[in-house]
Amino acid sequence: MTRARDLLARVPVQLPTRRTPVNVAEYRLAAKRRLPKVIWDYVDGGAEDEQTVAQNRAAFGRWALRPKILVDVSKTDLSVTVCGQDVALPILVAPTGLSGLTHHEGDWGLARAAEANGTRAIVSTASNYSIEEVARATTEPPWFQLYPWGDRDFTATFIDRAQRAGYSAMVVTVDVPIHGNRERDARNGMIVPPKFRTKQIVDVATRPRWWIDLARHQRTVLANLAAPGDGTVQSVSRHNRLINPALDWDELRWMRDVWKGPLLVKGVLDPGDAARCVEAGADGVVVSNHGGRQLDGAVASLDALPPIVAEIGDRATVLIDGGIRRGSDVVKALALGADAVLVGRATLYGLAVDGEAGASAVLGILRTEIERALTLLGCPNARDVDASYIVPAGATS
């Protein structure tokens, strides 16, 4: 026993190290470790019981990919065309408000990460960087996401700014007539004005890397909405007051007249609504339940996709977001008729861990997973993925 103890004593002790994440799930865990709980819950949480958040993920498990054999898959092509714009992979970065709370690079970093991977980011109205700042950070023009407000003149200023800055498409979010009931935020005091308790303050204090980054760079104000001298609370309050529950089809037609480029409507789950969007002049829709952050119990985005594709897929672009965590999820969405997908939380996890580099790494992981999935599927070209490659899970033929 003495000799054994002597031998063990000579074994060098190595403290465990956290390796580089190898998938989106590991980036999620790394982001959770880095962020204070109040910020983590804002990023990762959903409305009420978060049934829709869970169903967005579960929906992908209801489908199985069906490979084809003896196909030359020595080369793969992930490029697709979305609203007349070529992108190198069938993913765009979804608009995510207040992304500067996770890392100071915020939408600036997300847009640059998207461009580095040959695609586009959709810059949120609620960005912590201005429309113009993000445009200057990229070579290829990003897309702009608009929250349409009740004041047409005010809304028109944002459309004009985006057009002047060279944004190449506009995505109008229409599923926020009121904010969803996000109970995690309410419990944490993440409301306007915030009501943080000692528990939240202590938790922030134990995340020095996060709060030093926040204090040093001060990227928390909604840059597109803040008046001179405004802080975060004032700018967020202004955004909340501007939400327009009276938004209707006339407003959409007016925005179509004002915006000169491709226009998509985000927040569509009903095939009839999708058809009306196209009739109103939209070039496409984003099948979305806002990541489960609005109406809890809403249909999962993937479940809503096939009937919408059947309704408008031959005459408009159809994109989808919600629950995408793997390259195989992207392939399933393509097989069910989507032209491309949007990822939001996945790239926020990367951003939280390592800014632009982390978001770019997440997109790189998804790229590699898509390439592998297409190769194993026997379909080397992302444009050729169709319904012949997918069946309901458990199907025998």
Protein backbone atom coordinates (compact mmCIF):
# COMPACT_ATOMS: atom_id res chain seq x y z
CA MET A 1 0.00 0.00 0.00
CA THR A 2 2.88 2.36 0.86
CA ARG A 3 4.52 1.76 -2.52
CA ALA A 4 1.20 2.32 -4.30
CA ARG A 5 0.72 5.65 -2.51
CA ASP A 6 4.28 6.65 -3.45
CA LEU A 7 3.63 5.88 -7.11
CA LEU A 8 0.35 7.80 -7.10
CA ALA A 9 2.06 10.77 -5.51
CA ARG A 10 4.44 10.95 -8.47
CA VAL A 11 1.62 11.11 -11.02
CA PRO A 12 1.32 14.72 -12.18
CA VAL A 13 -2.04 16.26 -11.35
CA GLN A 14 -3.65 18.06 -14.26
CA LEU A 15 -6.57 20.36 -13.71
CA PRO A 16 -9.43 19.65 -16.12
CA THR A 17 -9.60 21.98 -19.11
CA ARG A 18 -12.60 22.91 -21.19
CA ARG A 19 -12.00 21.85 -24.73
CA THR A 20 -13.24 23.67 -27.79
CA PRO A 21 -16.90 22.83 -28.39
CA VAL A 22 -17.44 20.42 -31.27
CA ASN A 23 -21.17 20.97 -31.81
CA VAL A 24 -23.91 23.52 -31.14
CA ALA A 25 -25.01 21.74 -27.96
CA GLU A 26 -21.52 22.13 -26.48
CA TYR A 27 -21.45 25.81 -27.47
CA ARG A 28 -24.78 26.13 -25.68
CA LEU A 29 -23.30 24.73 -22.48
CA ALA A 30 -20.23 26.95 -22.79
CA ALA A 31 -22.46 30.01 -23.27
CA LYS A 32 -24.51 29.04 -20.21
CA ARG A 33 -21.32 28.90 -18.14
CA ARG A 34 -20.15 32.29 -19.35
CA LEU A 35 -23.36 34.30 -19.06
CA PRO A 36 -25.13 35.41 -15.88
CA LYS A 37 -28.39 33.55 -15.40
CA VAL A 38 -30.48 36.64 -16.10
CA ILE A 39 -28.88 37.01 -19.55
CA TRP A 40 -28.80 33.27 -20.24
CA ASP A 41 -32.51 32.95 -19.55
CA TYR A 42 -33.24 35.91 -21.82
CA VAL A 43 -31.32 34.22 -24.66
CA ASP A 44 -32.39 30.62 -24.15
CA GLY A 45 -35.87 30.98 -22.70
CA GLY A 46 -39.30 31.12 -24.26
CA ALA A 47 -42.86 32.00 -23.35
CA GLU A 48 -44.75 30.51 -20.41
CA ASP A 49 -44.25 26.72 -20.18
CA GLU A 50 -41.92 26.77 -23.21
CA GLN A 51 -43.92 24.06 -24.97
CA THR A 52 -43.27 25.64 -28.36
CA VAL A 53 -39.54 25.86 -27.69
CA ALA A 54 -39.53 22.13 -26.99
CA GLN A 55 -41.76 21.30 -29.96
CA ASN A 56 -39.50 23.19 -32.34
CA ARG A 57 -36.76 20.73 -31.46
CA ALA A 58 -39.01 17.68 -31.24
CA ALA A 59 -40.43 18.29 -34.71
CA PHE A 60 -37.11 17.38 -36.34
CA GLY A 61 -37.24 13.98 -34.61
CA ARG A 62 -40.54 13.26 -36.29
CA TRP A 63 -38.76 12.96 -39.64
CA ALA A 64 -36.07 10.57 -40.88
CA LEU A 65 -33.68 11.01 -43.79
CA ARG A 66 -33.71 8.29 -46.48
CA PRO A 67 -30.32 7.94 -48.22
CA LYS A 68 -29.75 6.91 -51.81
CA ILE A 69 -26.76 4.74 -52.68
CA LEU A 70 -24.10 4.48 -55.40
CA VAL A 71 -24.08 8.20 -56.07
CA ASP A 72 -20.88 10.13 -56.79
CA VAL A 73 -20.54 12.29 -53.69
CA SER A 74 -16.85 13.10 -54.07
CA LYS A 75 -17.78 16.79 -54.23
CA THR A 76 -20.54 18.63 -52.40
CA ASP A 77 -22.13 21.98 -53.15
CA LEU A 78 -23.93 23.71 -50.29
CA SER A 79 -24.74 26.91 -52.17
CA VAL A 80 -28.31 28.06 -52.71
CA THR A 81 -30.02 31.13 -54.09
CA VAL A 82 -32.31 33.09 -51.78
CA CYS A 83 -34.35 35.97 -53.18
CA GLY A 84 -31.99 36.15 -56.14
CA GLN A 85 -28.88 36.26 -53.92
CA ASP A 86 -26.34 33.45 -53.94
CA VAL A 87 -25.10 32.23 -50.55
CA ALA A 88 -22.48 29.57 -49.90
CA LEU A 89 -24.58 27.55 -47.49
CA PRO A 90 -28.33 27.22 -46.92
CA ILE A 91 -28.24 29.19 -43.65
CA LEU A 92 -28.80 32.84 -42.84
CA VAL A 93 -28.29 34.33 -39.38
CA ALA A 94 -31.64 35.23 -37.86
CA PRO A 95 -32.33 38.65 -36.32
CA THR A 96 -31.79 38.59 -32.55
CA GLY A 97 -32.45 41.72 -30.51
CA LEU A 98 -30.08 42.89 -27.77
CA SER A 99 -27.35 40.50 -28.88
CA GLY A 100 -24.82 42.94 -27.40
CA LEU A 101 -25.85 41.65 -23.97
CA THR A 102 -24.14 38.34 -24.74
CA HIS A 103 -20.93 39.84 -26.17
CA HIS A 104 -20.03 43.39 -27.05
CA GLU A 105 -19.56 42.56 -30.76
CA GLY A 106 -23.30 41.85 -31.08
CA ASP A 107 -24.82 42.25 -34.55
CA TRP A 108 -21.53 43.63 -35.83
CA GLY A 109 -19.87 40.30 -35.03
CA LEU A 110 -22.79 38.22 -36.26
CA ALA A 111 -22.81 40.00 -39.62
CA ARG A 112 -19.08 39.55 -40.05
CA ALA A 113 -19.30 35.87 -39.03
CA ALA A 114 -22.04 35.32 -41.61
CA GLU A 115 -20.00 37.01 -44.32
CA ALA A 116 -16.92 34.95 -43.43
CA ASN A 117 -19.02 31.86 -44.09
CA GLY A 118 -20.38 33.12 -47.40
CA THR A 119 -23.84 34.02 -46.21
CA ARG A 120 -25.87 36.93 -44.77
CA ALA A 121 -27.03 38.07 -41.37
CA ILE A 122 -30.43 39.68 -40.87
CA VAL A 123 -29.79 42.70 -38.67
CA SER A 124 -32.41 43.36 -36.01
CA THR A 125 -34.14 46.69 -35.52
CA ALA A 126 -33.34 46.06 -31.84
CA SER A 127 -29.60 45.79 -32.52
CA ASN A 128 -27.04 47.30 -30.19
CA TYR A 129 -25.27 48.59 -33.31
CA SER A 130 -26.82 51.04 -35.71
CA ILE A 131 -28.01 50.12 -39.19
CA GLU A 132 -25.08 52.08 -40.61
CA GLU A 133 -22.43 50.58 -38.30
CA VAL A 134 -23.26 47.02 -39.30
CA ALA A 135 -23.34 47.93 -42.99
CA ARG A 136 -19.84 49.41 -42.72
CA ALA A 137 -18.58 46.24 -41.01
CA THR A 138 -19.33 44.03 -44.01
CA THR A 139 -18.47 43.91 -47.69
CA GLU A 140 -21.57 42.05 -48.86
CA PRO A 141 -24.79 43.84 -47.91
CA PRO A 142 -26.65 42.23 -45.01
CA TRP A 143 -30.43 42.01 -44.72
CA PHE A 144 -32.51 44.26 -42.46
CA GLN A 145 -35.24 43.13 -40.06
CA LEU A 146 -38.00 45.66 -39.43
CA TYR A 147 -40.46 45.87 -36.57
CA PRO A 148 -43.27 47.87 -38.20
CA TRP A 149 -44.69 50.51 -35.87
CA GLY A 150 -47.93 52.45 -35.92
CA ASP A 151 -46.30 55.69 -37.07
CA ARG A 152 -45.69 55.34 -40.81
CA ASP A 153 -43.40 58.36 -40.95
CA PHE A 154 -41.21 56.90 -38.19
CA THR A 155 -41.18 53.45 -39.80
CA ALA A 156 -40.27 55.04 -43.13
CA THR A 157 -37.11 56.53 -41.61
CA PHE A 158 -35.82 53.04 -40.83
CA ILE A 159 -36.65 51.74 -44.29
CA ASP A 160 -34.89 54.74 -45.80
CA ARG A 161 -31.83 54.29 -43.61
CA ALA A 162 -31.55 50.61 -44.55
CA GLN A 163 -31.88 51.40 -48.25
CA ARG A 164 -29.29 54.17 -48.07
CA ALA A 165 -26.89 51.87 -46.21
CA GLY A 166 -27.21 49.27 -48.99
CA TYR A 167 -29.12 46.48 -47.28
CA SER A 168 -30.12 43.96 -49.91
CA ALA A 169 -33.42 42.62 -48.49
CA MET A 170 -35.90 43.48 -45.75
CA VAL A 171 -37.60 41.02 -43.41
CA VAL A 172 -40.75 42.38 -41.75
CA THR A 173 -41.54 40.71 -38.42
CA VAL A 174 -45.32 40.57 -37.93
CA ASP A 175 -45.86 38.24 -34.96
CA VAL A 176 -45.29 40.74 -32.12
CA PRO A 177 -48.54 42.66 -31.55
CA ILE A 178 -47.61 42.27 -27.88
CA HIS A 179 -44.62 40.73 -26.14
CA GLY A 180 -44.91 37.08 -25.16
CA ASN A 181 -45.13 36.13 -21.49
CA ARG A 182 -41.50 35.17 -20.83
CA GLU A 183 -41.69 34.03 -17.24
CA ARG A 184 -37.98 33.40 -16.82
CA ASP A 185 -37.37 37.10 -17.50
CA ALA A 186 -40.10 38.12 -15.07
CA ARG A 187 -38.65 35.95 -12.30
CA ASN A 188 -35.16 37.33 -12.92
CA GLY A 189 -36.29 40.97 -12.95
CA MET A 190 -35.35 41.26 -16.65
CA ILE A 191 -38.20 43.69 -17.27
CA VAL A 192 -38.55 47.41 -17.98
CA PRO A 193 -37.46 48.94 -15.72
CA PRO A 194 -35.32 46.05 -14.45
CA LYS A 195 -35.82 44.83 -10.89
CA PHE A 196 -32.70 42.86 -10.10
CA ARG A 197 -32.38 41.39 -6.61
CA THR A 198 -29.28 40.48 -4.63
CA LYS A 199 -29.31 37.00 -6.18
CA GLN A 200 -28.91 38.39 -9.71
CA ILE A 201 -26.26 40.90 -8.64
CA VAL A 202 -24.17 38.19 -6.96
CA ASP A 203 -24.51 35.96 -10.03
CA VAL A 204 -23.26 38.76 -12.28
CA ALA A 205 -20.32 39.33 -9.92
CA THR A 206 -19.24 35.72 -10.42
CA ARG A 207 -19.01 36.25 -14.21
CA PRO A 208 -16.15 38.81 -14.38
CA ARG A 209 -15.31 38.06 -18.00
CA TRP A 210 -18.87 38.97 -18.98
CA TRP A 211 -19.38 42.11 -16.90
CA ILE A 212 -15.93 43.52 -17.66
CA ASP A 213 -16.70 43.10 -21.38
CA LEU A 214 -20.06 44.81 -20.85
CA ALA A 215 -18.62 47.68 -18.80
CA ARG A 216 -15.70 48.27 -21.15
CA HIS A 217 -17.67 48.41 -24.39
CA GLN A 218 -21.12 49.60 -23.27
CA ARG A 219 -23.04 47.93 -26.10
CA THR A 220 -26.43 47.66 -24.43
CA VAL A 221 -28.43 50.58 -25.85
CA LEU A 222 -30.76 49.92 -28.82
CA ALA A 223 -28.66 51.97 -31.19
CA ASN A 224 -31.38 52.46 -33.82
CA LEU A 225 -33.90 53.80 -31.34
CA ALA A 226 -31.92 55.66 -28.71
CA ALA A 227 -32.29 59.41 -28.45
CA PRO A 228 -29.21 61.43 -27.36
CA GLY A 229 -28.44 60.67 -23.75
CA ASP A 230 -30.62 57.56 -23.60
CA GLY A 231 -29.53 54.52 -21.67
CA THR A 232 -30.54 50.93 -22.18
CA VAL A 233 -33.80 51.22 -20.23
CA GLN A 234 -34.95 54.31 -22.11
CA SER A 235 -34.23 52.83 -25.53
CA VAL A 236 -35.91 49.51 -24.72
CA SER A 237 -38.91 51.36 -23.28
CA ARG A 238 -39.23 53.33 -26.50
CA HIS A 239 -39.13 50.11 -28.52
CA ASN A 240 -41.86 48.54 -26.37
CA ARG A 241 -44.10 51.58 -26.63
CA LEU A 242 -43.85 51.54 -30.43
CA ILE A 243 -45.21 48.00 -30.86
CA ASN A 244 -48.24 48.17 -33.13
CA PRO A 245 -51.14 45.79 -32.32
CA ALA A 246 -53.15 47.40 -35.15
CA LEU A 247 -50.76 46.18 -37.88
CA ASP A 248 -52.77 44.96 -40.88
CA TRP A 249 -52.48 44.02 -44.55
CA ASP A 250 -52.67 47.66 -45.68
CA GLU A 251 -49.50 48.35 -43.71
CA LEU A 252 -47.74 45.44 -45.39
CA ARG A 253 -48.76 46.71 -48.82
CA TRP A 254 -47.51 50.17 -47.90
CA MET A 255 -44.12 48.77 -46.82
CA ARG A 256 -43.94 46.82 -50.08
CA ASP A 257 -44.39 50.10 -51.97
CA VAL A 258 -41.71 51.90 -49.96
CA TRP A 259 -39.02 49.18 -49.89
CA LYS A 260 -37.40 48.71 -53.30
CA GLY A 261 -35.69 45.35 -52.82
CA PRO A 262 -36.77 41.83 -51.89
CA LEU A 263 -39.23 41.79 -48.98
CA LEU A 264 -40.08 38.80 -46.78
CA VAL A 265 -42.63 38.45 -44.00
CA LYS A 266 -41.44 36.72 -40.82
CA GLY A 267 -43.80 35.02 -38.38
CA VAL A 268 -46.03 33.09 -40.80
CA LEU A 269 -47.52 29.75 -39.71
CA ASP A 270 -50.76 29.59 -41.72
CA PRO A 271 -50.83 28.68 -45.45
CA GLY A 272 -53.63 31.16 -46.16
CA ASP A 273 -51.61 33.95 -44.55
CA ALA A 274 -48.60 32.94 -46.64
CA ALA A 275 -50.71 33.25 -49.80
CA ARG A 276 -51.97 36.69 -48.73
CA CYS A 277 -48.38 37.83 -48.11
CA VAL A 278 -47.47 36.93 -51.69
CA GLU A 279 -50.61 38.61 -53.00
CA ALA A 280 -49.60 41.75 -51.07
CA GLY A 281 -46.28 41.78 -52.91
CA ALA A 282 -43.96 39.88 -50.58
CA ASP A 283 -41.16 37.94 -52.26
CA GLY A 284 -41.19 35.30 -49.56
CA VAL A 285 -42.02 34.32 -46.00
CA VAL A 286 -40.17 33.05 -42.96
CA VAL A 287 -42.08 30.19 -41.34
CA SER A 288 -41.53 31.07 -37.70
CA ASN A 289 -43.08 31.08 -34.24
CA HIS A 290 -40.44 33.53 -32.98
CA GLY A 291 -38.41 30.72 -31.46
CA GLY A 292 -41.22 29.92 -29.03
CA ARG A 293 -40.90 33.36 -27.44
CA GLN A 294 -44.39 34.61 -28.29
CA LEU A 295 -47.47 32.32 -28.25
CA ASP A 296 -46.74 29.23 -26.19
CA GLY A 297 -48.48 26.21 -27.68
CA ALA A 298 -48.10 27.52 -31.23
CA VAL A 299 -47.43 24.98 -33.96
CA ALA A 300 -43.79 24.00 -34.41
CA SER A 301 -42.19 25.77 -37.37
CA LEU A 302 -41.18 22.53 -39.08
CA ASP A 303 -44.72 21.17 -38.77
CA ALA A 304 -46.06 24.36 -40.38
CA LEU A 305 -43.57 24.24 -43.24
CA PRO A 306 -44.98 21.59 -45.67
CA PRO A 307 -48.47 23.11 -46.10
CA ILE A 308 -46.97 26.56 -46.63
CA VAL A 309 -44.58 25.18 -49.24
CA ALA A 310 -47.52 23.50 -50.94
CA GLU A 311 -49.36 26.83 -51.00
CA ILE A 312 -46.65 29.24 -52.21
CA GLY A 313 -43.42 27.29 -52.79
CA ASP A 314 -43.67 27.54 -56.55
CA ARG A 315 -43.94 31.34 -56.56
CA ALA A 316 -42.10 32.67 -53.50
CA THR A 317 -39.10 32.06 -51.26
CA VAL A 318 -39.83 30.01 -48.16
CA LEU A 319 -37.42 30.17 -45.22
CA ILE A 320 -37.80 28.65 -41.76
CA ASP A 321 -36.38 29.15 -38.28
CA GLY A 322 -36.84 27.51 -34.90
CA GLY A 323 -35.00 24.67 -33.18
CA ILE A 324 -32.20 24.15 -35.70
CA ARG A 325 -29.14 22.73 -33.91
CA ARG A 326 -27.63 20.25 -36.40
CA GLY A 327 -26.69 20.16 -40.04
CA SER A 328 -29.11 17.28 -40.44
CA ASP A 329 -31.89 19.61 -39.21
CA VAL A 330 -31.03 21.95 -42.08
CA VAL A 331 -31.17 19.07 -44.57
CA LYS A 332 -34.57 17.97 -43.24
CA ALA A 333 -35.92 21.51 -43.67
CA LEU A 334 -34.63 21.59 -47.26
CA ALA A 335 -36.21 18.20 -47.96
CA LEU A 336 -39.56 19.52 -46.72
CA GLY A 337 -39.36 22.42 -49.15
CA ALA A 338 -37.50 25.28 -47.48
CA ASP A 339 -35.12 27.26 -49.67
CA ALA A 340 -32.84 27.90 -46.68
CA VAL A 341 -33.03 28.21 -42.90
CA LEU A 342 -32.38 30.89 -40.30
CA VAL A 343 -30.42 30.17 -37.11
CA GLY A 344 -30.70 32.48 -34.13
CA ARG A 345 -29.90 30.96 -30.76
CA ALA A 346 -27.16 28.72 -32.22
CA THR A 347 -25.06 31.66 -33.40
CA LEU A 348 -25.82 33.58 -30.18
CA TYR A 349 -24.27 30.71 -28.24
CA GLY A 350 -21.11 31.08 -30.31
CA LEU A 351 -21.18 34.87 -29.95
CA ALA A 352 -21.46 34.58 -26.17
CA VAL A 353 -18.44 32.28 -26.00
CA ASP A 354 -16.06 34.11 -28.34
CA GLY A 355 -17.69 36.98 -30.18
CA GLU A 356 -17.44 36.98 -33.97
CA ALA A 357 -15.01 34.05 -33.90
CA GLY A 358 -17.43 31.95 -31.86
CA ALA A 359 -20.40 32.72 -34.10
CA SER A 360 -18.26 31.92 -37.14
CA ALA A 361 -17.18 28.64 -35.55
CA VAL A 362 -20.81 27.62 -35.03
CA LEU A 363 -21.59 28.31 -38.67
CA GLY A 364 -18.49 26.30 -39.60
CA ILE A 365 -19.70 23.35 -37.51
CA LEU A 366 -23.10 23.45 -39.21
CA ARG A 367 -21.41 23.66 -42.61
CA THR A 368 -19.36 20.54 -41.89
CA GLU A 369 -22.42 18.68 -40.60
CA ILE A 370 -24.44 19.61 -43.71
CA GLU A 371 -21.60 18.45 -45.98
CA ARG A 372 -21.40 15.14 -44.15
CA ALA A 373 -25.18 14.68 -44.14
CA LEU A 374 -25.43 15.36 -47.88
CA THR A 375 -22.58 12.98 -48.59
CA LEU A 376 -24.16 10.18 -46.55
CA LEU A 377 -27.56 10.99 -48.04
CA GLY A 378 -26.28 10.48 -51.57
CA CYS A 379 -27.24 14.02 -52.59
CA PRO A 380 -24.12 16.13 -53.17
CA ASN A 381 -25.97 19.34 -54.08
CA ALA A 382 -28.06 21.19 -51.49
CA ARG A 383 -30.29 22.54 -54.27
CA ASP A 384 -31.33 18.99 -55.16
CA VAL A 385 -32.59 17.92 -51.74
CA ASP A 386 -36.30 17.16 -52.06
CA ALA A 387 -39.09 15.09 -50.53
CA SER A 388 -37.68 11.84 -51.92
CA TYR A 389 -34.97 12.02 -49.25
CA ILE A 390 -37.26 12.21 -46.21
CA VAL A 391 -39.95 10.07 -44.58
CA PRO A 392 -41.89 10.26 -41.32
CA ALA A 393 -39.84 8.69 -38.53
CA GLY A 394 -40.80 5.05 -38.15
CA ALA A 395 -42.12 4.72 -41.70
CA THR A 396 -41.38 1.38 -43.36
CA SER A 397 -41.56 2.49 -46.99
